[in-house]
Amino acid sequence: MNNLLKILILIIGFNIFSLAQATRPMMTDDARIVDPKSCQLESWVRDSKHMTEYWAQPGCNVGENAEITIGGSLEGENGHSSFANEIYQIKSIIRPIDINQTGYSIVLGNARDPKRTMNKVI
């Protein structure tokens, strides 16, 4: 009976997760923050047939336990460049990871595309 319950929960779980949908930019972050009073820069380029995106996300630990990230992207299309996406995020560790223990962090953030919020056609 116990194995049947596990299989049933697994089947229900896969069905629920198959309904999930995501769009770009897909934001993933780890549960760590940079060292106190230091910064990092995450950057990448996404190139397609019609457009090239240049991303930069600088993040700094402004105290002992708060990393702030403010970044975005520059899009280039047909010789014209414009700022496209904006990302704002603050992250803090609630309980640090330790040997044989789980760590916890909290992240609050927002990502938006100003062209879409101003109802411009992309």
Protein backbone atom coordinates (compact mmCIF):
# COMPACT_ATOMS: atom_id res chain seq x y z
CA MET A 1 0.00 0.00 0.00
CA ASN A 2 2.85 2.38 0.82
CA ASN A 3 4.46 1.87 -2.63
CA LEU A 4 1.12 2.42 -4.36
CA LEU A 5 0.69 5.74 -2.54
CA LYS A 6 4.19 6.84 -3.57
CA ILE A 7 3.51 5.98 -7.22
CA LEU A 8 0.18 7.82 -7.13
CA ILE A 9 1.80 10.94 -5.65
CA LEU A 10 4.53 10.77 -8.29
CA ILE A 11 2.00 10.54 -11.14
CA ILE A 12 -0.07 13.43 -9.76
CA GLY A 13 3.09 15.50 -9.29
CA PHE A 14 4.22 14.99 -12.90
CA ASN A 15 0.77 15.98 -14.15
CA ILE A 16 0.77 19.16 -12.08
CA PHE A 17 4.29 20.14 -13.15
CA SER A 18 3.53 19.52 -16.82
CA LEU A 19 1.04 22.42 -16.63
CA ALA A 20 3.78 24.90 -15.70
CA GLN A 21 4.82 27.41 -18.34
CA ALA A 22 7.79 29.78 -18.48
CA THR A 23 8.99 32.55 -20.75
CA ARG A 24 12.27 34.33 -21.23
CA PRO A 25 14.15 35.73 -19.48
CA MET A 26 14.16 32.72 -17.25
CA MET A 27 15.65 33.89 -13.99
CA THR A 28 17.50 31.33 -11.94
CA ASP A 29 19.65 32.16 -9.01
CA ASP A 30 21.56 30.26 -6.40
CA ALA A 31 21.00 30.57 -2.67
CA ARG A 32 24.36 32.27 -2.09
CA ILE A 33 25.30 35.91 -1.99
CA VAL A 34 28.63 37.55 -2.77
CA ASP A 35 31.05 38.27 0.07
CA PRO A 36 30.35 41.35 2.22
CA LYS A 37 31.30 44.66 0.58
CA SER A 38 32.10 43.03 -2.77
CA CYS A 39 30.49 42.83 -6.21
CA GLN A 40 30.10 40.49 -9.16
CA LEU A 41 29.00 40.88 -12.77
CA GLU A 42 26.91 38.29 -14.59
CA SER A 43 26.78 38.86 -18.35
CA TRP A 44 25.88 36.99 -21.51
CA VAL A 45 24.89 37.48 -25.14
CA ARG A 46 21.86 35.92 -26.79
CA ASP A 47 22.02 35.97 -30.57
CA SER A 48 19.21 35.03 -32.96
CA LYS A 49 18.44 35.63 -36.64
CA HIS A 50 16.59 38.88 -36.02
CA MET A 51 18.03 40.31 -32.82
CA THR A 52 21.02 40.28 -30.48
CA GLU A 53 20.63 40.80 -26.72
CA TYR A 54 23.52 41.93 -24.52
CA TRP A 55 22.82 41.28 -20.83
CA ALA A 56 24.61 42.64 -17.75
CA GLN A 57 23.59 42.10 -14.13
CA PRO A 58 25.93 43.65 -11.58
CA GLY A 59 25.29 42.56 -8.00
CA CYS A 60 26.82 43.96 -4.83
CA ASN A 61 26.63 43.00 -1.17
CA VAL A 62 25.96 46.38 0.44
CA GLY A 63 26.29 45.23 4.04
CA GLU A 64 26.79 41.89 5.65
CA ASN A 65 23.77 39.97 4.36
CA ALA A 66 22.04 41.78 1.49
CA GLU A 67 22.97 41.44 -2.18
CA ILE A 68 21.38 43.97 -4.54
CA THR A 69 21.27 43.41 -8.31
CA ILE A 70 20.18 46.03 -10.83
CA GLY A 71 20.69 45.12 -14.46
CA GLY A 72 19.14 44.61 -17.84
CA SER A 73 19.72 44.16 -21.52
CA LEU A 74 20.50 46.12 -24.64
CA GLU A 75 18.88 44.83 -27.82
CA GLY A 76 20.28 45.34 -31.29
CA GLU A 77 18.03 44.91 -34.31
CA ASN A 78 18.53 46.15 -37.89
CA GLY A 79 21.34 48.49 -36.80
CA HIS A 80 19.22 50.07 -34.06
CA SER A 81 19.94 49.53 -30.34
CA SER A 82 17.65 50.10 -27.38
CA PHE A 83 17.47 49.23 -23.70
CA ALA A 84 15.03 46.38 -23.37
CA ASN A 85 14.78 44.53 -20.08
CA GLU A 86 15.22 45.82 -16.54
CA ILE A 87 15.89 43.58 -13.55
CA TYR A 88 15.84 44.55 -9.88
CA GLN A 89 16.58 42.07 -7.12
CA ILE A 90 17.55 41.90 -3.45
CA LYS A 91 18.67 38.64 -1.85
CA SER A 92 19.48 37.68 1.73
CA ILE A 93 20.48 34.46 3.49
CA ILE A 94 18.11 33.40 6.25
CA ARG A 95 20.04 30.31 7.33
CA PRO A 96 23.48 29.55 5.82
CA ILE A 97 24.12 26.12 4.37
CA ASP A 98 26.20 23.87 6.58
CA ILE A 99 27.40 20.27 6.49
CA ASN A 100 24.36 17.96 6.55
CA GLN A 101 22.00 20.95 6.89
CA THR A 102 19.81 22.81 4.45
CA GLY A 103 20.28 26.54 3.99
CA TYR A 104 17.55 29.06 3.19
CA SER A 105 17.57 32.37 1.35
CA ILE A 106 14.92 34.85 0.33
CA VAL A 107 14.82 36.80 -2.93
CA LEU A 108 12.55 39.69 -3.89
CA GLY A 109 12.74 40.95 -7.42
CA ASN A 110 11.09 42.27 -10.53
CA ALA A 111 11.84 42.02 -14.23
CA ARG A 112 10.14 44.10 -16.91
CA ASP A 113 10.46 45.14 -20.53
CA PRO A 114 9.82 48.90 -20.86
CA LYS A 115 8.90 48.56 -24.55
CA ARG A 116 6.07 46.18 -23.68
CA THR A 117 4.85 48.26 -20.73
CA MET A 118 4.65 51.33 -22.99
CA ASN A 119 2.57 49.34 -25.53
CA LYS A 120 5.17 49.62 -28.28
CA VAL A 121 5.34 46.96 -30.94
CA ILE A 122 8.51 44.91 -30.80
